[in-house]
Every structure is written in structure tokens, then in C-alpha cells.
Amino acid sequence: MLVLGIETSCDETGIALYDTERGLLSHTLYSQVAMHREYGGVVPELASRDHIRRVLPLITQALAAANCELRQVDAIAYTQGPGLAGALLVGASISAAMSFALNIPALGIHHLEGHLLSPLLSTPAPVFPFIALLVSGGHTQLMQVDAVGHYRLLGETVDDAAGEAFDKTAKLLGLGYPGGAALSQLARQGRPGQFKLPRPMINSGDLNFSFSGLKTAVLTLLNKQAIDDQIRADIALAFQDAVVEVLTGKSLAALTQSGLKQLVVAGGVGANEQLRRNLSRKASAQGTTVFYPELEFCTDNGAMIAFAGAMRLQAMPESARQPARGFNVRARWNLEMLETPKPD
């Protein structure tokens, strides 16, 4: 089965072709970062308009790279939510139109499910069941994943997500957009141990997170210091140390409580080098293994949507694989509300 994946949830247009027998054939991505940088963050109306310009040329590019024709596509998977409503509508409407014209199924995919399953595109890949740390945009969650569609929430942030805390702290430090990547880059120049920031909820006894207070602690520290470039780098490192320690501690606790031996890390913050080093080292000492998506699949992309769509379509009864007769999007969508595939 050849599945075309379309991702338009925020500020990146991602297109991919995934074949259930041959694997990932091609993927193309256009990032709007340069456009939004001028405004210091994502402007939803501009994001939607840019998706409209990019989707069809990127589909043509992905088909050419895979040496495929549109008529060979067996199904379409698109991001139905969560995300920016206008941006989601671009991908959903184009998917529905193509589904109707080609008389093939179209399936709406949960954006976070795409991230959750993205490490399965890599080699070696985890096998079910496993624990997943989702650190994508406004989400920081620990999930137990038993199979496609079988997800149990173990813990989540009670306020800011890790990615939001990175972006807000970057703004406090006077860094540009996107803030998280800029802060991580600055932290490489920091001197270890110069500042100690709190580790919120690290000893809370549960698997929830909180990062809002950490951002406030950075602001308090900045107000007490004579700031120069080196001090800014030291504070960036101290902030990153705190986030990494909390994410690592909670993830390892989830593994211990569940008795599972595999951890999957997915989402944009999963690209953080310090987090990867720290998690891999401590998990190995605990006798567990950590799996990460390729760096190109940490950010939003069409490959994860095509793959998640293929997994769901394979698990569905053939009678349920119908062409679209309409479409809708879900700007807010709880991952636990996903329906479990019900095969014949």
C-alpha cells in the first residue's frame, strides 16, 4: 500500500510517500521559519497562506523523488489535529479533494500520534510495548504505548510544556526565533555549575511536569546579575541542565514503574543533544534502551503522518477504507480520545 502523507499543522509543510512493503520512499519539507522570524513567532494567517502555496508543488516533488505517479497512490493520510485551524484546513481540504478525485481513502491523523510512532521509521526500531516521552511544541507527556491506538497517559505538564519553556526563556535571554534551538546553541558556550536552577516536581512522586516556575527562576536570576554574553550562556546552560534532568528523571521513573525496558523520545525537544546524551547514558545504566527518531523527523514532517496513516489503514477493515465525502479538523484533540483500529 502506497500512502501519501500531508502535514500542515503549524509552520512546516511536509509531504511524504510511504510504502508498506518498501518503506519510506521520499519526503519533502518546507519550513516557514524565515518568514515568521520577522514577527518573533508564528503568525497563523501567514502560515495558512504559505501552506496553500507549497502543498501541491511539494507533492509533485515527492512523487518525482519516489519515481511514482499520482495514480499509483493507494491512500492519503493528513494531519487532522491538533494545530492551527487554518493551517490544518489546507491539508484536510486538499486531501479530501484528491481522495474524491482518485477514489482512494483519506484518513485524518493525530499529529502527536505521528510523533509518537516516528521512531519506528528508524533502524533499529522499538517494538511494542514501550514508554514514550512526547516533547513536541505545547505538549510534554509520558505515555505507555501497547500498540497503534493503544495509548495510556502516565503523566503530563501541569503548565508550560518543555518546548514552551525553552522558547519563553530564550526570549528572556534576548534570543531570536525559533527560541529553543537558539538557546541550545547558546548553552554550548556556557560554563557548567555557574548557576543552579530548580528542578520542578522532580520529587513529586508522580510523572507530571511543571516548567513555568523554571522560566520565572530564570527571570529572577537575570534581574540579579550584571548580564554579559558569558553570563547569558551560563544561564542558558543552567536552564537546559534543569529541563534535561527533569525529563530524564521522570522518564526513567516511568520505565521503572511500568517494568518496560524501551523508551521512545519524540518531538522537537527530542533533538536536543544534551537530552539524548543524558537519557541514553542513564537508561543504559538502568538496563533499558532509548530510541530516537532521525533528527529530520523530530520536527513536524510528512513522513510520520504517512507512516501513522499506513499503520492505521493496515489495521482497518477494507470496508472502512472509503474515499472522503467531506472533511473537518480538530485544533484541540486529546491523544487518549483516539479510536483503536478494529480489524476484521
Protein backbone atom coordinates (compact mmCIF):
# COMPACT_ATOMS: atom_id res chain seq x y z
CA MET A 1 0.00 0.00 0.00
CA LEU A 2 1.41 3.37 -1.08
CA VAL A 3 0.37 6.19 1.28
CA LEU A 4 0.76 9.91 0.63
CA GLY A 5 1.28 11.87 3.88
CA ILE A 6 0.42 15.56 4.22
CA GLU A 7 1.41 17.60 7.29
CA THR A 8 0.23 21.22 7.66
CA SER A 9 -0.45 21.64 11.39
CA CYS A 10 1.67 24.73 12.03
CA ASP A 11 4.60 26.34 10.23
CA GLU A 12 6.08 23.47 8.21
CA THR A 13 4.64 21.89 5.07
CA GLY A 14 5.62 18.22 4.98
CA ILE A 15 4.89 15.70 2.23
CA ALA A 16 5.99 12.05 2.11
CA LEU A 17 5.35 8.75 0.37
CA TYR A 18 5.44 5.58 2.47
CA ASP A 19 5.05 2.09 1.05
CA THR A 20 4.11 -0.70 3.44
CA GLU A 21 6.43 -3.11 1.62
CA ARG A 22 9.34 -0.84 0.62
CA GLY A 23 9.30 1.67 3.47
CA LEU A 24 9.76 5.43 3.18
CA LEU A 25 10.24 6.32 -0.48
CA SER A 26 10.54 10.11 -0.27
CA HIS A 27 9.80 13.10 1.90
CA THR A 28 9.94 16.84 1.28
CA LEU A 29 9.67 19.69 3.75
CA TYR A 30 9.33 23.44 3.56
CA SER A 31 9.89 25.43 6.77
CA GLN A 32 8.36 28.86 7.28
CA VAL A 33 10.86 29.86 9.98
CA ALA A 34 12.43 32.65 7.92
CA MET A 35 9.03 34.22 7.26
CA HIS A 36 7.86 34.10 10.89
CA ARG A 37 11.20 35.21 12.35
CA GLU A 38 10.41 38.82 11.42
CA TYR A 39 7.39 38.68 13.76
CA GLY A 40 9.07 36.79 16.61
CA GLY A 41 6.71 33.81 16.32
CA VAL A 42 4.19 32.03 14.13
CA VAL A 43 1.50 34.22 12.52
CA PRO A 44 -1.41 31.80 11.84
CA GLU A 45 -2.84 33.63 8.80
CA LEU A 46 0.56 33.79 7.11
CA ALA A 47 1.16 30.12 7.91
CA SER A 48 -2.13 29.08 6.27
CA ARG A 49 -1.50 31.11 3.13
CA ASP A 50 2.01 29.69 2.77
CA HIS A 51 0.75 26.11 3.08
CA ILE A 52 -1.61 26.81 0.17
CA ARG A 53 1.34 27.90 -1.97
CA ARG A 54 3.57 24.98 -1.03
CA VAL A 55 1.45 21.80 -0.81
CA LEU A 56 0.90 20.93 -4.47
CA PRO A 57 4.48 21.69 -5.64
CA LEU A 58 5.84 19.61 -2.75
CA ILE A 59 3.53 16.69 -3.66
CA THR A 60 4.87 16.84 -7.22
CA GLN A 61 8.43 16.93 -5.86
CA ALA A 62 7.85 13.95 -3.55
CA LEU A 63 6.30 11.88 -6.35
CA ALA A 64 9.23 12.63 -8.64
CA ALA A 65 11.76 11.73 -5.94
CA ALA A 66 10.00 8.39 -5.39
CA ASN A 67 9.67 7.76 -9.13
CA CYS A 68 5.91 7.39 -8.66
CA GLU A 69 2.81 8.77 -10.31
CA LEU A 70 -0.20 10.14 -8.50
CA ARG A 71 -2.43 7.36 -9.86
CA GLN A 72 -0.26 4.81 -8.01
CA VAL A 73 -1.14 6.25 -4.59
CA ASP A 74 -3.47 3.92 -2.67
CA ALA A 75 -4.43 6.21 0.22
CA ILE A 76 -3.85 9.65 1.71
CA ALA A 77 -3.06 10.45 5.34
CA TYR A 78 -3.25 14.04 6.55
CA THR A 79 -2.87 15.82 9.88
CA GLN A 80 -6.37 16.41 11.23
CA GLY A 81 -5.23 17.98 14.51
CA PRO A 82 -4.19 19.36 16.87
CA GLY A 83 -2.73 22.54 15.43
CA LEU A 84 -3.66 25.86 13.87
CA ALA A 85 -7.18 25.54 12.46
CA GLY A 86 -6.47 27.44 9.25
CA ALA A 87 -3.27 25.52 8.56
CA LEU A 88 -4.98 22.18 9.24
CA LEU A 89 -7.79 23.07 6.84
CA VAL A 90 -5.31 23.41 3.97
CA GLY A 91 -4.06 19.84 4.28
CA ALA A 92 -7.51 18.42 5.05
CA SER A 93 -9.24 20.09 2.09
CA ILE A 94 -6.56 19.10 -0.41
CA SER A 95 -6.56 15.52 0.92
CA ALA A 96 -10.35 15.28 0.65
CA ALA A 97 -10.33 16.64 -2.91
CA MET A 98 -7.60 14.22 -4.02
CA SER A 99 -9.32 11.33 -2.27
CA PHE A 100 -12.59 12.02 -4.06
CA ALA A 101 -10.92 12.56 -7.45
CA LEU A 102 -8.75 9.44 -7.23
CA ASN A 103 -11.42 7.33 -5.46
CA ILE A 104 -8.99 6.32 -2.69
CA PRO A 105 -9.27 6.50 1.13
CA ALA A 106 -8.28 9.62 3.10
CA LEU A 107 -7.52 9.29 6.80
CA GLY A 108 -7.11 12.08 9.36
CA ILE A 109 -4.12 11.51 11.66
CA HIS A 110 -3.46 12.86 15.14
CA HIS A 111 -0.31 15.00 14.97
CA LEU A 112 1.06 13.60 18.23
CA GLU A 113 0.44 10.02 17.13
CA GLY A 114 2.67 10.81 14.17
CA HIS A 115 5.43 11.97 16.51
CA LEU A 116 4.81 9.03 18.83
CA LEU A 117 5.33 6.46 16.07
CA SER A 118 8.13 8.30 14.22
CA PRO A 119 11.00 6.34 15.88
CA LEU A 120 9.57 3.23 14.19
CA LEU A 121 10.87 4.69 10.92
CA SER A 122 14.45 4.32 12.17
CA THR A 123 16.74 1.31 12.43
CA PRO A 124 16.87 -0.23 14.96
CA ALA A 125 13.25 0.43 15.85
CA PRO A 126 11.44 -0.25 19.13
CA VAL A 127 8.79 -2.94 19.41
CA PHE A 128 5.52 -2.68 21.33
CA PRO A 129 5.04 -2.13 24.21
CA PHE A 130 7.20 0.85 25.20
CA ILE A 131 7.18 4.11 27.15
CA ALA A 132 7.12 7.31 25.10
CA LEU A 133 8.29 10.77 26.11
CA LEU A 134 6.47 13.24 23.87
CA VAL A 135 8.12 16.66 23.89
CA SER A 136 6.55 18.49 20.97
CA GLY A 137 5.57 22.16 20.97
CA GLY A 138 2.94 22.73 23.64
CA HIS A 139 2.98 19.09 24.78
CA THR A 140 5.12 17.26 27.33
CA GLN A 141 3.69 13.84 28.12
CA LEU A 142 4.70 10.36 29.18
CA MET A 143 2.65 7.62 27.53
CA GLN A 144 2.58 3.85 27.70
CA VAL A 145 2.24 2.57 24.14
CA ASP A 146 1.00 -1.01 23.82
CA ALA A 147 0.11 -0.92 20.10
CA VAL A 148 -1.11 1.52 17.44
CA GLY A 149 -4.09 3.26 19.01
CA HIS A 150 -3.46 1.78 22.47
CA TYR A 151 -2.09 4.72 24.48
CA ARG A 152 -2.26 5.36 28.22
CA LEU A 153 -1.30 8.73 29.67
CA LEU A 154 1.10 8.35 32.61
CA GLY A 155 1.94 12.00 33.21
CA GLU A 156 1.92 15.42 31.59
CA THR A 157 2.81 19.03 32.21
CA VAL A 158 0.53 20.98 34.53
CA ASP A 159 1.51 24.32 32.95
CA ASP A 160 4.15 25.17 30.34
CA ALA A 161 5.49 22.35 28.20
CA ALA A 162 9.25 21.90 27.88
CA GLY A 163 9.27 23.40 24.37
CA GLU A 164 7.28 26.42 25.53
CA ALA A 165 9.67 26.93 28.44
CA PHE A 166 12.64 26.83 26.04
CA ASP A 167 11.02 29.46 23.79
CA LYS A 168 9.96 31.76 26.64
CA THR A 169 13.35 31.53 28.35
CA ALA A 170 15.07 32.24 25.03
CA LYS A 171 13.01 35.43 24.74
CA LEU A 172 14.08 36.45 28.28
CA LEU A 173 17.69 35.98 27.16
CA GLY A 174 17.12 38.18 24.11
CA LEU A 175 17.40 35.36 21.60
CA GLY A 176 15.63 35.23 18.25
CA TYR A 177 13.01 32.89 16.83
CA PRO A 178 12.91 29.90 16.98
CA GLY A 179 13.98 30.31 20.58
CA GLY A 180 14.52 26.70 21.64
CA ALA A 181 17.19 25.99 19.05
CA ALA A 182 18.89 29.33 19.74
CA LEU A 183 19.00 28.64 23.48
CA SER A 184 20.51 25.19 22.97
CA GLN A 185 23.15 26.69 20.71
CA LEU A 186 23.99 29.36 23.31
CA ALA A 187 24.16 26.76 26.10
CA ARG A 188 27.13 25.12 24.36
CA GLN A 189 29.18 28.17 25.34
CA GLY A 190 28.05 28.05 28.99
CA ARG A 191 30.27 27.14 31.91
CA PRO A 192 28.96 24.17 33.93
CA GLY A 193 27.96 24.83 37.52
CA GLN A 194 27.92 28.63 37.39
CA PHE A 195 24.23 28.77 38.30
CA LYS A 196 21.81 26.29 39.88
CA LEU A 197 18.15 26.47 38.91
CA PRO A 198 15.29 24.47 40.49
CA ARG A 199 14.20 21.08 39.17
CA PRO A 200 10.39 21.49 39.31
CA MET A 201 8.39 18.46 40.53
CA ILE A 202 11.37 16.14 40.24
CA ASN A 203 10.49 14.64 43.64
CA SER A 204 6.71 14.96 43.32
CA GLY A 205 6.15 11.21 43.44
CA ASP A 206 4.17 11.24 40.20
CA LEU A 207 5.03 11.50 36.50
CA ASN A 208 3.76 15.04 35.91
CA PHE A 209 5.88 18.01 34.87
CA SER A 210 5.95 21.76 35.52
CA PHE A 211 8.20 24.25 33.75
CA SER A 212 6.52 27.63 34.31
CA GLY A 213 8.35 28.20 37.60
CA LEU A 214 11.68 27.44 35.95
CA LYS A 215 11.11 30.28 33.50
CA THR A 216 10.32 32.58 36.44
CA ALA A 217 13.51 31.48 38.19
CA VAL A 218 15.49 32.49 35.11
CA LEU A 219 13.83 35.93 35.14
CA THR A 220 14.70 36.37 38.84
CA LEU A 221 18.31 35.36 38.14
CA LEU A 222 18.58 37.80 35.25
CA ASN A 223 17.33 40.65 37.43
CA LYS A 224 20.09 39.95 39.98
CA GLN A 225 23.01 39.79 37.53
CA ALA A 226 25.13 42.18 35.53
CA ILE A 227 24.48 40.48 32.19
CA ASP A 228 27.10 39.94 29.52
CA ASP A 229 27.40 37.33 26.77
CA GLN A 230 29.13 34.79 29.00
CA ILE A 231 26.56 35.13 31.79
CA ARG A 232 23.75 34.68 29.29
CA ALA A 233 25.40 31.47 28.06
CA ASP A 234 25.87 30.25 31.64
CA ILE A 235 22.19 30.84 32.41
CA ALA A 236 21.15 29.10 29.18
CA LEU A 237 23.18 26.05 30.20
CA ALA A 238 21.76 26.09 33.73
CA PHE A 239 18.24 26.21 32.32
CA GLN A 240 18.92 23.36 29.88
CA ASP A 241 20.53 21.30 32.66
CA ALA A 242 17.37 21.66 34.75
CA VAL A 243 14.98 20.68 31.94
CA VAL A 244 17.11 17.71 30.89
CA GLU A 245 17.40 16.43 34.47
CA VAL A 246 13.63 16.61 35.00
CA LEU A 247 12.79 14.94 31.66
CA THR A 248 15.37 12.22 32.30
CA GLY A 249 14.30 11.56 35.88
CA LYS A 250 10.60 11.30 35.07
CA SER A 251 11.21 9.12 32.00
CA LEU A 252 13.35 6.64 33.94
CA ALA A 253 10.75 6.59 36.74
CA ALA A 254 8.08 5.71 34.16
CA LEU A 255 10.19 2.81 32.94
CA THR A 256 10.71 1.56 36.49
CA GLN A 257 7.02 1.81 37.40
CA SER A 258 5.87 0.07 34.21
CA GLY A 259 8.56 -2.61 34.19
CA LEU A 260 9.19 -1.90 30.48
CA LYS A 261 12.68 -1.74 29.01
CA GLN A 262 12.22 0.55 26.00
CA LEU A 263 11.84 4.33 25.92
CA VAL A 264 10.92 6.30 22.82
CA VAL A 265 11.62 10.05 22.66
CA ALA A 266 9.73 12.04 20.06
CA GLY A 267 9.04 15.67 19.18
CA GLY A 268 11.13 18.77 18.62
CA VAL A 269 12.84 18.83 22.04
CA GLY A 270 13.87 15.23 21.33
CA ALA A 271 16.52 16.66 19.00
CA ASN A 272 18.32 18.28 21.96
CA GLU A 273 21.83 16.81 22.10
CA GLN A 274 22.21 17.09 25.86
CA LEU A 275 18.88 15.33 26.46
CA ARG A 276 19.89 12.49 24.13
CA ARG A 277 23.29 12.04 25.80
CA ASN A 278 21.91 12.16 29.33
CA LEU A 279 18.96 9.85 28.67
CA SER A 280 20.99 7.28 26.77
CA ARG A 281 23.71 7.14 29.42
CA LYS A 282 21.36 6.81 32.40
CA ALA A 283 18.98 4.43 30.64
CA SER A 284 21.87 2.16 29.73
CA ALA A 285 23.00 2.08 33.35
CA GLN A 286 19.44 1.05 34.26
CA GLY A 287 19.43 -1.73 31.65
CA THR A 288 16.97 -0.03 29.29
CA THR A 289 17.22 1.23 25.71
CA VAL A 290 16.24 4.64 24.30
CA PHE A 291 15.06 5.10 20.72
CA TYR A 292 15.02 8.43 18.91
CA PRO A 293 13.70 9.43 15.50
CA GLU A 294 16.23 10.70 12.99
CA LEU A 295 16.87 14.42 13.54
CA GLU A 296 14.96 15.28 10.37
CA PHE A 297 11.89 13.56 11.81
CA CYS A 298 11.96 15.33 15.21
CA THR A 299 10.32 18.45 13.79
CA ASP A 300 6.93 18.30 12.04
CA ASN A 301 7.15 16.25 8.83
CA GLY A 302 5.07 14.32 6.34
CA ALA A 303 6.91 11.04 6.86
CA MET A 304 5.49 10.49 10.33
CA ILE A 305 1.96 11.22 9.06
CA ALA A 306 2.31 8.85 6.09
CA PHE A 307 3.68 6.12 8.37
CA ALA A 308 0.99 6.54 11.05
CA GLY A 309 -1.63 6.53 8.29
CA ALA A 310 -0.23 3.33 6.81
CA MET A 311 -0.24 1.61 10.20
CA ARG A 312 -3.85 2.59 10.84
CA LEU A 313 -5.06 1.72 7.35
CA GLN A 314 -3.50 -1.73 7.57
CA ALA A 315 -5.35 -2.34 10.84
CA MET A 316 -8.71 -1.19 9.45
CA PRO A 317 -11.25 -3.46 7.76
CA GLU A 318 -11.15 -2.98 3.99
CA SER A 319 -14.82 -1.97 4.02
CA ALA A 320 -13.91 1.08 6.14
CA ARG A 321 -11.32 2.38 3.65
CA GLN A 322 -13.59 4.79 1.84
CA PRO A 323 -12.93 7.95 -0.22
CA ALA A 324 -13.59 11.22 1.58
CA ARG A 325 -17.05 12.75 1.31
CA GLY A 326 -16.15 15.78 3.40
CA PHE A 327 -13.57 16.85 5.96
CA ASN A 328 -13.11 18.50 9.33
CA VAL A 329 -10.18 19.44 11.55
CA ARG A 330 -9.62 19.36 15.29
CA ALA A 331 -7.48 22.23 16.56
CA ARG A 332 -7.64 20.68 20.03
CA TRP A 333 -7.56 16.91 20.28
CA ASN A 334 -6.68 14.69 23.23
CA LEU A 335 -4.46 11.78 22.17
CA GLU A 336 -6.28 9.40 24.52
CA MET A 337 -9.53 10.10 22.62
CA LEU A 338 -8.17 8.35 19.53
CA GLU A 339 -10.14 5.36 18.39
CA THR A 340 -8.38 2.00 18.42
CA PRO A 341 -8.23 0.38 14.95
CA LYS A 342 -10.69 -2.52 14.71
CA PRO A 343 -9.62 -5.06 12.04
CA ASP A 344 -11.99 -7.64 10.50
